[in-house]
Amino acid sequence: MFQKMIQESRGNLLAYKAIGDITKEDYRQIGPEVESLAKEYGNVRLLLDLTQFHWEKISAWGEDWRFGRKFHDVIVKMAIVGDKKWEAWLTKLAGLFYAREARFFHPHQMEDALKWLTED
């Protein structure tokens, strides 16, 4: 599930912690939030904390793909926070399919991730 990180989310910055397995309903939850901020600010900056993420259900792959197609042009920056090598690799895909620019940060770099996201 995606749990919104309220303290880190502000302005056009949305922050989520992915916990356990991600489902298609999770994308249906965050899609309207991204869309609303995109309408209000013209773009969105997204932080995904994957430190408690397990995997994405196969049934969610279609919603995942639609999310990327719909919001790629409005997500200007995506920071992925994680502690696994494959998550760093995933960041390269995020830059291609989900955001104009994506960077990987280790958990101890959370403040750096937030700073990068808020810089112009």
PDB file of N, CA and C in Angstrom:
ATOM      1  N   MET A   1       0.831  -1.184   0.000  1.00  0.00           N
ATOM      2  CA  MET A   1       0.000   0.000   0.000  1.00  0.00           C
ATOM      3  C   MET A   1       0.875   1.246   0.000  1.00  0.00           C
ATOM      4  N   PHE A   2       0.344   2.324  -0.519  1.00  0.00           N
ATOM      5  CA  PHE A   2       1.014   3.610  -0.449  1.00  0.00           C
ATOM      6  C   PHE A   2       0.459   4.368   0.746  1.00  0.00           C
ATOM      7  N   GLN A   3       1.334   4.734   1.658  1.00  0.00           N
ATOM      8  CA  GLN A   3       0.940   5.537   2.803  1.00  0.00           C
ATOM      9  C   GLN A   3       1.490   6.937   2.597  1.00  0.00           C
ATOM     10  N   LYS A   4       0.616   7.921   2.599  1.00  0.00           N
ATOM     11  CA  LYS A   4       1.052   9.303   2.388  1.00  0.00           C
ATOM     12  C   LYS A   4       1.880   9.761   3.583  1.00  0.00           C
ATOM     13  N   MET A   5       3.019  10.368   3.280  1.00  0.00           N
ATOM     14  CA  MET A   5       3.887  10.927   4.315  1.00  0.00           C
ATOM     15  C   MET A   5       3.488  12.397   4.475  1.00  0.00           C
ATOM     16  N   ILE A   6       2.597  12.644   5.407  1.00  0.00           N
ATOM     17  CA  ILE A   6       1.965  13.952   5.558  1.00  0.00           C
ATOM     18  C   ILE A   6       2.985  15.055   5.823  1.00  0.00           C
ATOM     19  N   GLN A   7       3.921  14.817   6.708  1.00  0.00           N
ATOM     20  CA  GLN A   7       4.881  15.852   7.087  1.00  0.00           C
ATOM     21  C   GLN A   7       5.747  16.284   5.906  1.00  0.00           C
ATOM     22  N   GLU A   8       6.101  15.358   5.025  1.00  0.00           N
ATOM     23  CA  GLU A   8       6.960  15.662   3.898  1.00  0.00           C
ATOM     24  C   GLU A   8       6.184  16.236   2.710  1.00  0.00           C
ATOM     25  N   SER A   9       4.883  15.965   2.634  1.00  0.00           N
ATOM     26  CA  SER A   9       4.054  16.427   1.519  1.00  0.00           C
ATOM     27  C   SER A   9       3.638  17.871   1.762  1.00  0.00           C
ATOM     28  N   ARG A  10       3.965  18.721   0.791  1.00  0.00           N
ATOM     29  CA  ARG A  10       3.599  20.137   0.893  1.00  0.00           C
ATOM     30  C   ARG A  10       3.693  20.769  -0.487  1.00  0.00           C
ATOM     31  N   GLY A  11       2.837  21.741  -0.747  1.00  0.00           N
ATOM     32  CA  GLY A  11       2.846  22.386  -2.063  1.00  0.00           C
ATOM     33  C   GLY A  11       2.639  21.348  -3.148  1.00  0.00           C
ATOM     34  N   ASN A  12       3.535  21.358  -4.145  1.00  0.00           N
ATOM     35  CA  ASN A  12       3.419  20.391  -5.239  1.00  0.00           C
ATOM     36  C   ASN A  12       4.262  19.136  -4.990  1.00  0.00           C
ATOM     37  N   LEU A  13       4.700  18.929  -3.754  1.00  0.00           N
ATOM     38  CA  LEU A  13       5.485  17.755  -3.383  1.00  0.00           C
ATOM     39  C   LEU A  13       4.583  16.734  -2.694  1.00  0.00           C
ATOM     40  N   LEU A  14       4.508  15.552  -3.279  1.00  0.00           N
ATOM     41  CA  LEU A  14       3.794  14.426  -2.682  1.00  0.00           C
ATOM     42  C   LEU A  14       4.817  13.388  -2.256  1.00  0.00           C
ATOM     43  N   ALA A  15       4.666  12.885  -1.046  1.00  0.00           N
ATOM     44  CA  ALA A  15       5.579  11.858  -0.537  1.00  0.00           C
ATOM     45  C   ALA A  15       4.768  10.663  -0.062  1.00  0.00           C
ATOM     46  N   TYR A  16       5.225   9.477  -0.475  1.00  0.00           N
ATOM     47  CA  TYR A  16       4.562   8.239  -0.100  1.00  0.00           C
ATOM     48  C   TYR A  16       5.584   7.216   0.363  1.00  0.00           C
ATOM     49  N   LYS A  17       5.167   6.399   1.329  1.00  0.00           N
ATOM     50  CA  LYS A  17       5.940   5.238   1.747  1.00  0.00           C
ATOM     51  C   LYS A  17       5.210   4.025   1.194  1.00  0.00           C
ATOM     52  N   ALA A  18       5.915   3.222   0.418  1.00  0.00           N
ATOM     53  CA  ALA A  18       5.346   1.980  -0.104  1.00  0.00           C
ATOM     54  C   ALA A  18       5.571   0.892   0.941  1.00  0.00           C
ATOM     55  N   ILE A  19       4.481   0.285   1.391  1.00  0.00           N
ATOM     56  CA  ILE A  19       4.559  -0.718   2.442  1.00  0.00           C
ATOM     57  C   ILE A  19       3.989  -2.031   1.918  1.00  0.00           C
ATOM     58  N   GLY A  20       4.791  -3.085   1.993  1.00  0.00           N
ATOM     59  CA  GLY A  20       4.321  -4.396   1.543  1.00  0.00           C
ATOM     60  C   GLY A  20       4.154  -4.456   0.037  1.00  0.00           C
ATOM     61  N   ASP A  21       3.039  -5.044  -0.386  1.00  0.00           N
ATOM     62  CA  ASP A  21       2.754  -5.198  -1.810  1.00  0.00           C
ATOM     63  C   ASP A  21       1.867  -4.054  -2.298  1.00  0.00           C
ATOM     64  N   ILE A  22       2.144  -3.580  -3.503  1.00  0.00           N
ATOM     65  CA  ILE A  22       1.360  -2.522  -4.124  1.00  0.00           C
ATOM     66  C   ILE A  22       0.301  -3.175  -5.010  1.00  0.00           C
ATOM     67  N   THR A  23      -0.921  -2.644  -4.949  1.00  0.00           N
ATOM     68  CA  THR A  23      -2.032  -3.176  -5.725  1.00  0.00           C
ATOM     69  C   THR A  23      -2.555  -2.119  -6.695  1.00  0.00           C
ATOM     70  N   LYS A  24      -3.433  -2.526  -7.592  1.00  0.00           N
ATOM     71  CA  LYS A  24      -4.006  -1.563  -8.533  1.00  0.00           C
ATOM     72  C   LYS A  24      -4.823  -0.504  -7.800  1.00  0.00           C
ATOM     73  N   GLU A  25      -5.400  -0.852  -6.671  1.00  0.00           N
ATOM     74  CA  GLU A  25      -6.153   0.129  -5.891  1.00  0.00           C
ATOM     75  C   GLU A  25      -5.244   1.233  -5.359  1.00  0.00           C
ATOM     76  N   ASP A  26      -3.998   0.901  -5.091  1.00  0.00           N
ATOM     77  CA  ASP A  26      -3.050   1.922  -4.622  1.00  0.00           C
ATOM     78  C   ASP A  26      -2.840   2.993  -5.690  1.00  0.00           C
ATOM     79  N   TYR A  27      -2.723   2.584  -6.946  1.00  0.00           N
ATOM     80  CA  TYR A  27      -2.569   3.563  -8.032  1.00  0.00           C
ATOM     81  C   TYR A  27      -3.829   4.387  -8.204  1.00  0.00           C
ATOM     82  N   ARG A  28      -4.970   3.773  -7.978  1.00  0.00           N
ATOM     83  CA  ARG A  28      -6.240   4.498  -8.074  1.00  0.00           C
ATOM     84  C   ARG A  28      -6.384   5.503  -6.939  1.00  0.00           C
ATOM     85  N   GLN A  29      -5.675   5.277  -5.849  1.00  0.00           N
ATOM     86  CA  GLN A  29      -5.686   6.208  -4.720  1.00  0.00           C
ATOM     87  C   GLN A  29      -4.790   7.413  -4.999  1.00  0.00           C
ATOM     88  N   ILE A  30      -3.584   7.169  -5.463  1.00  0.00           N
ATOM     89  CA  ILE A  30      -2.652   8.292  -5.616  1.00  0.00           C
ATOM     90  C   ILE A  30      -2.859   9.055  -6.923  1.00  0.00           C
ATOM     91  N   GLY A  31      -3.440   8.425  -7.929  1.00  0.00           N
ATOM     92  CA  GLY A  31      -3.676   9.100  -9.210  1.00  0.00           C
ATOM     93  C   GLY A  31      -4.440  10.407  -9.062  1.00  0.00           C
ATOM     94  N   PRO A  32      -5.584  10.419  -8.376  1.00  0.00           N
ATOM     95  CA  PRO A  32      -6.318  11.677  -8.208  1.00  0.00           C
ATOM     96  C   PRO A  32      -5.540  12.746  -7.436  1.00  0.00           C
ATOM     97  N   GLU A  33      -4.705  12.320  -6.481  1.00  0.00           N
ATOM     98  CA  GLU A  33      -3.893  13.297  -5.742  1.00  0.00           C
ATOM     99  C   GLU A  33      -2.869  13.949  -6.662  1.00  0.00           C
ATOM    100  N   VAL A  34      -2.214  13.146  -7.492  1.00  0.00           N
ATOM    101  CA  VAL A  34      -1.244  13.686  -8.454  1.00  0.00           C
ATOM    102  C   VAL A  34      -1.963  14.607  -9.436  1.00  0.00           C
ATOM    103  N   GLU A  35      -3.100  14.172  -9.935  1.00  0.00           N
ATOM    104  CA  GLU A  35      -3.852  14.971 -10.898  1.00  0.00           C
ATOM    105  C   GLU A  35      -4.293  16.307 -10.309  1.00  0.00           C
ATOM    106  N   SER A  36      -4.755  16.296  -9.071  1.00  0.00           N
ATOM    107  CA  SER A  36      -5.188  17.519  -8.409  1.00  0.00           C
ATOM    108  C   SER A  36      -4.036  18.515  -8.254  1.00  0.00           C
ATOM    109  N   LEU A  37      -2.878  18.029  -7.814  1.00  0.00           N
ATOM    110  CA  LEU A  37      -1.720  18.921  -7.668  1.00  0.00           C
ATOM    111  C   LEU A  37      -1.229  19.432  -9.017  1.00  0.00           C
ATOM    112  N   ALA A  38      -1.281  18.585 -10.027  1.00  0.00           N
ATOM    113  CA  ALA A  38      -0.856  19.000 -11.364  1.00  0.00           C
ATOM    114  C   ALA A  38      -1.742  20.130 -11.872  1.00  0.00           C
ATOM    115  N   LYS A  39      -3.039  20.051 -11.609  1.00  0.00           N
ATOM    116  CA  LYS A  39      -3.955  21.118 -12.021  1.00  0.00           C
ATOM    117  C   LYS A  39      -3.674  22.406 -11.255  1.00  0.00           C
ATOM    118  N   GLU A  40      -3.379  22.267  -9.972  1.00  0.00           N
ATOM    119  CA  GLU A  40      -3.150  23.440  -9.128  1.00  0.00           C
ATOM    120  C   GLU A  40      -1.801  24.105  -9.387  1.00  0.00           C
ATOM    121  N   TYR A  41      -0.732  23.301  -9.556  1.00  0.00           N
ATOM    122  CA  TYR A  41       0.622  23.846  -9.640  1.00  0.00           C
ATOM    123  C   TYR A  41       1.257  23.732 -11.028  1.00  0.00           C
ATOM    124  N   GLY A  42       0.684  22.930 -11.892  1.00  0.00           N
ATOM    125  CA  GLY A  42       1.262  22.743 -13.223  1.00  0.00           C
ATOM    126  C   GLY A  42       2.255  21.603 -13.295  1.00  0.00           C
ATOM    127  N   ASN A  43       2.776  21.175 -12.139  1.00  0.00           N
ATOM    128  CA  ASN A  43       3.686  20.029 -12.096  1.00  0.00           C
ATOM    129  C   ASN A  43       3.687  19.450 -10.682  1.00  0.00           C
ATOM    130  N   VAL A  44       4.275  18.263 -10.577  1.00  0.00           N
ATOM    131  CA  VAL A  44       4.313  17.545  -9.306  1.00  0.00           C
ATOM    132  C   VAL A  44       5.725  17.032  -9.078  1.00  0.00           C
ATOM    133  N   ARG A  45       6.129  17.020  -7.834  1.00  0.00           N
ATOM    134  CA  ARG A  45       7.395  16.420  -7.406  1.00  0.00           C
ATOM    135  C   ARG A  45       7.017  15.274  -6.473  1.00  0.00           C
ATOM    136  N   LEU A  46       7.598  14.105  -6.711  1.00  0.00           N
ATOM    137  CA  LEU A  46       7.153  12.895  -6.035  1.00  0.00           C
ATOM    138  C   LEU A  46       8.306  12.204  -5.324  1.00  0.00           C
ATOM    139  N   LEU A  47       8.091  11.878  -4.051  1.00  0.00           N
ATOM    140  CA  LEU A  47       9.056  11.102  -3.283  1.00  0.00           C
ATOM    141  C   LEU A  47       8.426   9.751  -2.980  1.00  0.00           C
ATOM    142  N   LEU A  48       9.155   8.675  -3.274  1.00  0.00           N
ATOM    143  CA  LEU A  48       8.705   7.322  -2.948  1.00  0.00           C
ATOM    144  C   LEU A  48       9.730   6.673  -2.026  1.00  0.00           C
ATOM    145  N   ASP A  49       9.322   6.374  -0.821  1.00  0.00           N
ATOM    146  CA  ASP A  49      10.167   5.676   0.146  1.00  0.00           C
ATOM    147  C   ASP A  49       9.878   4.183  -0.004  1.00  0.00           C
ATOM    148  N   LEU A  50      10.849   3.429  -0.508  1.00  0.00           N
ATOM    149  CA  LEU A  50      10.679   2.008  -0.763  1.00  0.00           C
ATOM    150  C   LEU A  50      11.299   1.116   0.308  1.00  0.00           C
ATOM    151  N   THR A  51      11.667   1.681   1.447  1.00  0.00           N
ATOM    152  CA  THR A  51      12.378   0.899   2.461  1.00  0.00           C
ATOM    153  C   THR A  51      11.525  -0.219   3.061  1.00  0.00           C
ATOM    154  N   GLN A  52      10.199  -0.130   2.960  1.00  0.00           N
ATOM    155  CA  GLN A  52       9.327  -1.197   3.465  1.00  0.00           C
ATOM    156  C   GLN A  52       8.525  -1.853   2.334  1.00  0.00           C
ATOM    157  N   PHE A  53       8.914  -1.584   1.120  1.00  0.00           N
ATOM    158  CA  PHE A  53       8.255  -2.131  -0.064  1.00  0.00           C
ATOM    159  C   PHE A  53       8.658  -3.582  -0.265  1.00  0.00           C
ATOM    160  N   HIS A  54       7.692  -4.416  -0.608  1.00  0.00           N
ATOM    161  CA  HIS A  54       7.985  -5.818  -0.913  1.00  0.00           C
ATOM    162  C   HIS A  54       7.961  -6.052  -2.410  1.00  0.00           C
ATOM    163  N   TRP A  55       6.798  -5.861  -3.053  1.00  0.00           N
ATOM    164  CA  TRP A  55       6.672  -6.087  -4.490  1.00  0.00           C
ATOM    165  C   TRP A  55       5.363  -5.493  -4.967  1.00  0.00           C
ATOM    166  N   GLU A  56       5.171  -5.525  -6.285  1.00  0.00           N
ATOM    167  CA  GLU A  56       3.932  -5.062  -6.880  1.00  0.00           C
ATOM    168  C   GLU A  56       3.160  -6.262  -7.412  1.00  0.00           C
ATOM    169  N   LYS A  57       1.895  -6.349  -7.049  1.00  0.00           N
ATOM    170  CA  LYS A  57       1.051  -7.445  -7.532  1.00  0.00           C
ATOM    171  C   LYS A  57       0.959  -7.390  -9.059  1.00  0.00           C
ATOM    172  N   ILE A  58       0.955  -8.539  -9.691  1.00  0.00           N
ATOM    173  CA  ILE A  58       0.839  -8.602 -11.157  1.00  0.00           C
ATOM    174  C   ILE A  58      -0.419  -7.876 -11.618  1.00  0.00           C
ATOM    175  N   SER A  59      -1.484  -7.982 -10.866  1.00  0.00           N
ATOM    176  CA  SER A  59      -2.739  -7.322 -11.235  1.00  0.00           C
ATOM    177  C   SER A  59      -2.626  -5.794 -11.228  1.00  0.00           C
ATOM    178  N   ALA A  60      -1.567  -5.252 -10.630  1.00  0.00           N
ATOM    179  CA  ALA A  60      -1.368  -3.795 -10.586  1.00  0.00           C
ATOM    180  C   ALA A  60      -0.568  -3.272 -11.768  1.00  0.00           C
ATOM    181  N   TRP A  61       0.031  -4.151 -12.553  1.00  0.00           N
ATOM    182  CA  TRP A  61       0.915  -3.703 -13.626  1.00  0.00           C
ATOM    183  C   TRP A  61       0.220  -2.805 -14.637  1.00  0.00           C
ATOM    184  N   GLY A  62      -1.014  -3.101 -14.961  1.00  0.00           N
ATOM    185  CA  GLY A  62      -1.752  -2.265 -15.914  1.00  0.00           C
ATOM    186  C   GLY A  62      -1.980  -0.869 -15.376  1.00  0.00           C
ATOM    187  N   GLU A  63      -2.393  -0.766 -14.111  1.00  0.00           N
ATOM    188  CA  GLU A  63      -2.597   0.554 -13.494  1.00  0.00           C
ATOM    189  C   GLU A  63      -1.276   1.299 -13.373  1.00  0.00           C
ATOM    190  N   ASP A  64      -0.211   0.604 -13.073  1.00  0.00           N
ATOM    191  CA  ASP A  64       1.134   1.184 -12.998  1.00  0.00           C
ATOM    192  C   ASP A  64       1.499   1.813 -14.341  1.00  0.00           C
ATOM    193  N   TRP A  65       1.303   1.060 -15.408  1.00  0.00           N
ATOM    194  CA  TRP A  65       1.617   1.539 -16.756  1.00  0.00           C
ATOM    195  C   TRP A  65       0.771   2.764 -17.108  1.00  0.00           C
ATOM    196  N   ARG A  66      -0.544   2.720 -16.807  1.00  0.00           N
ATOM    197  CA  ARG A  66      -1.430   3.851 -17.095  1.00  0.00           C
ATOM    198  C   ARG A  66      -1.018   5.084 -16.285  1.00  0.00           C
ATOM    199  N   PHE A  67      -0.622   4.873 -15.033  1.00  0.00           N
ATOM    200  CA  PHE A  67      -0.171   5.977 -14.188  1.00  0.00           C
ATOM    201  C   PHE A  67       1.030   6.671 -14.835  1.00  0.00           C
ATOM    202  N   GLY A  68       2.005   5.883 -15.265  1.00  0.00           N
ATOM    203  CA  GLY A  68       3.192   6.454 -15.901  1.00  0.00           C
ATOM    204  C   GLY A  68       2.858   7.207 -17.174  1.00  0.00           C
ATOM    205  N   ARG A  69       2.024   6.641 -18.004  1.00  0.00           N
ATOM    206  CA  ARG A  69       1.644   7.309 -19.260  1.00  0.00           C
ATOM    207  C   ARG A  69       0.898   8.609 -18.999  1.00  0.00           C
ATOM    208  N   LYS A  70       0.038   8.603 -18.018  1.00  0.00           N
ATOM    209  CA  LYS A  70      -0.786   9.776 -17.743  1.00  0.00           C
ATOM    210  C   LYS A  70       0.005  10.911 -17.098  1.00  0.00           C
ATOM    211  N   PHE A  71       0.945  10.571 -16.204  1.00  0.00           N
ATOM    212  CA  PHE A  71       1.573  11.606 -15.390  1.00  0.00           C
ATOM    213  C   PHE A  71       3.043  11.871 -15.688  1.00  0.00           C
ATOM    214  N   HIS A  72       3.642  11.163 -16.631  1.00  0.00           N
ATOM    215  CA  HIS A  72       5.068  11.357 -16.923  1.00  0.00           C
ATOM    216  C   HIS A  72       5.420  12.824 -17.156  1.00  0.00           C
ATOM    217  N   ASP A  73       4.624  13.519 -17.922  1.00  0.00           N
ATOM    218  CA  ASP A  73       4.958  14.901 -18.268  1.00  0.00           C
ATOM    219  C   ASP A  73       4.719  15.903 -17.147  1.00  0.00           C
ATOM    220  N   VAL A  74       3.915  15.555 -16.152  1.00  0.00           N
ATOM    221  CA  VAL A  74       3.673  16.492 -15.052  1.00  0.00           C
ATOM    222  C   VAL A  74       4.535  16.203 -13.829  1.00  0.00           C
ATOM    223  N   ILE A  75       5.083  15.001 -13.721  1.00  0.00           N
ATOM    224  CA  ILE A  75       6.001  14.703 -12.612  1.00  0.00           C
ATOM    225  C   ILE A  75       7.390  15.134 -13.060  1.00  0.00           C
ATOM    226  N   VAL A  76       7.811  16.295 -12.570  1.00  0.00           N
ATOM    227  CA  VAL A  76       9.089  16.856 -13.018  1.00  0.00           C
ATOM    228  C   VAL A  76      10.277  16.214 -12.322  1.00  0.00           C
ATOM    229  N   LYS A  77      10.083  15.797 -11.075  1.00  0.00           N
ATOM    230  CA  LYS A  77      11.153  15.141 -10.326  1.00  0.00           C
ATOM    231  C   LYS A  77      10.569  14.019  -9.483  1.00  0.00           C
ATOM    232  N   MET A  78      11.300  12.897  -9.460  1.00  0.00           N
ATOM    233  CA  MET A  78      10.913  11.781  -8.609  1.00  0.00           C
ATOM    234  C   MET A  78      12.151  11.314  -7.851  1.00  0.00           C
ATOM    235  N   ALA A  79      12.056  11.307  -6.541  1.00  0.00           N
ATOM    236  CA  ALA A  79      13.127  10.789  -5.702  1.00  0.00           C
ATOM    237  C   ALA A  79      12.682   9.437  -5.164  1.00  0.00           C
ATOM    238  N   ILE A  80      13.519   8.433  -5.364  1.00  0.00           N
ATOM    239  CA  ILE A  80      13.255   7.110  -4.829  1.00  0.00           C
ATOM    240  C   ILE A  80      14.249   6.855  -3.709  1.00  0.00           C
ATOM    241  N   VAL A  81      13.710   6.553  -2.530  1.00  0.00           N
ATOM    242  CA  VAL A  81      14.541   6.279  -1.359  1.00  0.00           C
ATOM    243  C   VAL A  81      14.458   4.783  -1.080  1.00  0.00           C
ATOM    244  N   GLY A  82      15.618   4.141  -1.042  1.00  0.00           N
ATOM    245  CA  GLY A  82      15.641   2.711  -0.800  1.00  0.00           C
ATOM    246  C   GLY A  82      17.000   2.242  -0.341  1.00  0.00           C
ATOM    247  N   ASP A  83      17.078   0.936  -0.069  1.00  0.00           N
ATOM    248  CA  ASP A  83      18.331   0.384   0.434  1.00  0.00           C
ATOM    249  C   ASP A  83      18.771  -0.863  -0.329  1.00  0.00           C
ATOM    250  N   LYS A  84      18.178  -1.078  -1.501  1.00  0.00           N
ATOM    251  CA  LYS A  84      18.537  -2.250  -2.302  1.00  0.00           C
ATOM    252  C   LYS A  84      19.065  -1.828  -3.666  1.00  0.00           C
ATOM    253  N   LYS A  85      19.975  -2.609  -4.215  1.00  0.00           N
ATOM    254  CA  LYS A  85      20.562  -2.264  -5.516  1.00  0.00           C
ATOM    255  C   LYS A  85      19.522  -2.228  -6.618  1.00  0.00           C
ATOM    256  N   TRP A  86      18.551  -3.149  -6.592  1.00  0.00           N
ATOM    257  CA  TRP A  86      17.559  -3.167  -7.653  1.00  0.00           C
ATOM    258  C   TRP A  86      16.672  -1.921  -7.602  1.00  0.00           C
ATOM    259  N   GLU A  87      16.533  -1.300  -6.425  1.00  0.00           N
ATOM    260  CA  GLU A  87      15.756  -0.067  -6.329  1.00  0.00           C
ATOM    261  C   GLU A  87      16.494   1.088  -7.001  1.00  0.00           C
ATOM    262  N   ALA A  88      17.805   1.082  -6.902  1.00  0.00           N
ATOM    263  CA  ALA A  88      18.600   2.087  -7.622  1.00  0.00           C
ATOM    264  C   ALA A  88      18.429   1.893  -9.125  1.00  0.00           C
ATOM    265  N   TRP A  89      18.408   0.648  -9.575  1.00  0.00           N
ATOM    266  CA  TRP A  89      18.190   0.357 -10.981  1.00  0.00           C
ATOM    267  C   TRP A  89      16.790   0.784 -11.416  1.00  0.00           C
ATOM    268  N   LEU A  90      15.814   0.560 -10.547  1.00  0.00           N
ATOM    269  CA  LEU A  90      14.437   0.958 -10.822  1.00  0.00           C
ATOM    270  C   LEU A  90      14.338   2.463 -11.071  1.00  0.00           C
ATOM    271  N   THR A  91      15.174   3.223 -10.424  1.00  0.00           N
ATOM    272  CA  THR A  91      15.173   4.666 -10.594  1.00  0.00           C
ATOM    273  C   THR A  91      15.463   5.047 -12.043  1.00  0.00           C
ATOM    274  N   LYS A  92      16.317   4.297 -12.710  1.00  0.00           N
ATOM    275  CA  LYS A  92      16.596   4.570 -14.124  1.00  0.00           C
ATOM    276  C   LYS A  92      15.326   4.405 -14.958  1.00  0.00           C
ATOM    277  N   LEU A  93      14.540   3.389 -14.668  1.00  0.00           N
ATOM    278  CA  LEU A  93      13.264   3.196 -15.367  1.00  0.00           C
ATOM    279  C   LEU A  93      12.270   4.299 -15.023  1.00  0.00           C
ATOM    280  N   ALA A  94      12.292   4.741 -13.774  1.00  0.00           N
ATOM    281  CA  ALA A  94      11.376   5.805 -13.356  1.00  0.00           C
ATOM    282  C   ALA A  94      11.602   7.063 -14.175  1.00  0.00           C
ATOM    283  N   GLY A  95      12.867   7.356 -14.471  1.00  0.00           N
ATOM    284  CA  GLY A  95      13.180   8.519 -15.288  1.00  0.00           C
ATOM    285  C   GLY A  95      12.668   8.394 -16.714  1.00  0.00           C
ATOM    286  N   LEU A  96      12.531   7.181 -17.187  1.00  0.00           N
ATOM    287  CA  LEU A  96      12.019   6.965 -18.543  1.00  0.00           C
ATOM    288  C   LEU A  96      10.499   6.951 -18.597  1.00  0.00           C
ATOM    289  N   PHE A  97       9.863   6.353 -17.586  1.00  0.00           N
ATOM    290  CA  PHE A  97       8.433   6.093 -17.668  1.00  0.00           C
ATOM    291  C   PHE A  97       7.545   6.899 -16.730  1.00  0.00           C
ATOM    292  N   TYR A  98       8.091   7.479 -15.673  1.00  0.00           N
ATOM    293  CA  TYR A  98       7.237   8.119 -14.684  1.00  0.00           C
ATOM    294  C   TYR A  98       7.514   9.597 -14.445  1.00  0.00           C
ATOM    295  N   ALA A  99       8.698  10.053 -14.723  1.00  0.00           N
ATOM    296  CA  ALA A  99       9.052  11.430 -14.395  1.00  0.00           C
ATOM    297  C   ALA A  99      10.067  11.965 -15.395  1.00  0.00           C
ATOM    298  N   ARG A 100      10.125  13.276 -15.484  1.00  0.00           N
ATOM    299  CA  ARG A 100      11.130  13.879 -16.370  1.00  0.00           C
ATOM    300  C   ARG A 100      12.542  13.641 -15.850  1.00  0.00           C
ATOM    301  N   GLU A 101      12.676  13.608 -14.514  1.00  0.00           N
ATOM    302  CA  GLU A 101      13.985  13.376 -13.897  1.00  0.00           C
ATOM    303  C   GLU A 101      13.788  12.545 -12.632  1.00  0.00           C
ATOM    304  N   ALA A 102      14.652  11.563 -12.429  1.00  0.00           N
ATOM    305  CA  ALA A 102      14.550  10.711 -11.238  1.00  0.00           C
ATOM    306  C   ALA A 102      15.939  10.473 -10.658  1.00  0.00           C
ATOM    307  N   ARG A 103      15.988  10.418  -9.331  1.00  0.00           N
ATOM    308  CA  ARG A 103      17.247  10.138  -8.629  1.00  0.00           C
ATOM    309  C   ARG A 103      16.999   9.179  -7.476  1.00  0.00           C
ATOM    310  N   PHE A 104      18.039   8.400  -7.181  1.00  0.00           N
ATOM    311  CA  PHE A 104      17.989   7.429  -6.087  1.00  0.00           C
ATOM    312  C   PHE A 104      18.722   7.984  -4.877  1.00  0.00           C
ATOM    313  N   PHE A 105      18.170   7.748  -3.701  1.00  0.00           N
ATOM    314  CA  PHE A 105      18.779   8.165  -2.443  1.00  0.00           C
ATOM    315  C   PHE A 105      18.696   7.010  -1.449  1.00  0.00           C
ATOM    316  N   HIS A 106      19.705   6.868  -0.618  1.00  0.00           N
ATOM    317  CA  HIS A 106      19.687   5.885   0.462  1.00  0.00           C
ATOM    318  C   HIS A 106      18.873   6.455   1.625  1.00  0.00           C
ATOM    319  N   PRO A 107      18.360   5.608   2.512  1.00  0.00           N
ATOM    320  CA  PRO A 107      17.510   6.096   3.609  1.00  0.00           C
ATOM    321  C   PRO A 107      18.142   7.214   4.445  1.00  0.00           C
ATOM    322  N   HIS A 108      19.434   7.158   4.675  1.00  0.00           N
ATOM    323  CA  HIS A 108      20.068   8.215   5.469  1.00  0.00           C
ATOM    324  C   HIS A 108      20.168   9.537   4.700  1.00  0.00           C
ATOM    325  N   GLN A 109      19.777   9.529   3.423  1.00  0.00           N
ATOM    326  CA  GLN A 109      19.809  10.736   2.596  1.00  0.00           C
ATOM    327  C   GLN A 109      18.415  11.339   2.377  1.00  0.00           C
ATOM    328  N   MET A 110      17.466  11.021   3.239  1.00  0.00           N
ATOM    329  CA  MET A 110      16.101  11.517   3.068  1.00  0.00           C
ATOM    330  C   MET A 110      16.060  13.036   2.971  1.00  0.00           C
ATOM    331  N   GLU A 111      16.802  13.720   3.815  1.00  0.00           N
ATOM    332  CA  GLU A 111      16.828  15.186   3.763  1.00  0.00           C
ATOM    333  C   GLU A 111      17.392  15.678   2.427  1.00  0.00           C
ATOM    334  N   ASP A 112      18.416  14.990   1.902  1.00  0.00           N
ATOM    335  CA  ASP A 112      18.974  15.347   0.591  1.00  0.00           C
ATOM    336  C   ASP A 112      17.935  15.158  -0.502  1.00  0.00           C
ATOM    337  N   ALA A 113      17.154  14.090  -0.405  1.00  0.00           N
ATOM    338  CA  ALA A 113      16.103  13.827  -1.393  1.00  0.00           C
ATOM    339  C   ALA A 113      15.065  14.947  -1.370  1.00  0.00           C
ATOM    340  N   LEU A 114      14.641  15.335  -0.188  1.00  0.00           N
ATOM    341  CA  LEU A 114      13.658  16.411  -0.071  1.00  0.00           C
ATOM    342  C   LEU A 114      14.219  17.736  -0.570  1.00  0.00           C
ATOM    343  N   LYS A 115      15.479  17.992  -0.269  1.00  0.00           N
ATOM    344  CA  LYS A 115      16.112  19.224  -0.746  1.00  0.00           C
ATOM    345  C   LYS A 115      16.176  19.233  -2.270  1.00  0.00           C
ATOM    346  N   TRP A 116      16.597  18.126  -2.872  1.00  0.00           N
ATOM    347  CA  TRP A 116      16.672  18.036  -4.335  1.00  0.00           C
ATOM    348  C   TRP A 116      15.305  18.243  -4.961  1.00  0.00           C
ATOM    349  N   LEU A 117      14.288  17.624  -4.369  1.00  0.00           N
ATOM    350  CA  LEU A 117      12.946  17.745  -4.936  1.00  0.00           C
ATOM    351  C   LEU A 117      12.440  19.176  -4.916  1.00  0.00           C
ATOM    352  N   THR A 118      12.801  19.947  -3.920  1.00  0.00           N
ATOM    353  CA  THR A 118      12.279  21.304  -3.805  1.00  0.00           C
ATOM    354  C   THR A 118      13.122  22.348  -4.517  1.00  0.00           C
ATOM    355  N   GLU A 119      14.295  21.967  -4.999  1.00  0.00           N
ATOM    356  CA  GLU A 119      15.122  22.896  -5.774  1.00  0.00           C
ATOM    357  C   GLU A 119      14.577  23.052  -7.187  1.00  0.00           C
ATOM    358  N   ASP A 120      14.745  24.235  -7.744  1.00  0.00           N
ATOM    359  CA  ASP A 120      14.359  24.429  -9.151  1.00  0.00           C
ATOM    360  C   ASP A 120      15.501  24.161 -10.083  1.00  0.00           C
TER     361      ASP A 120
END
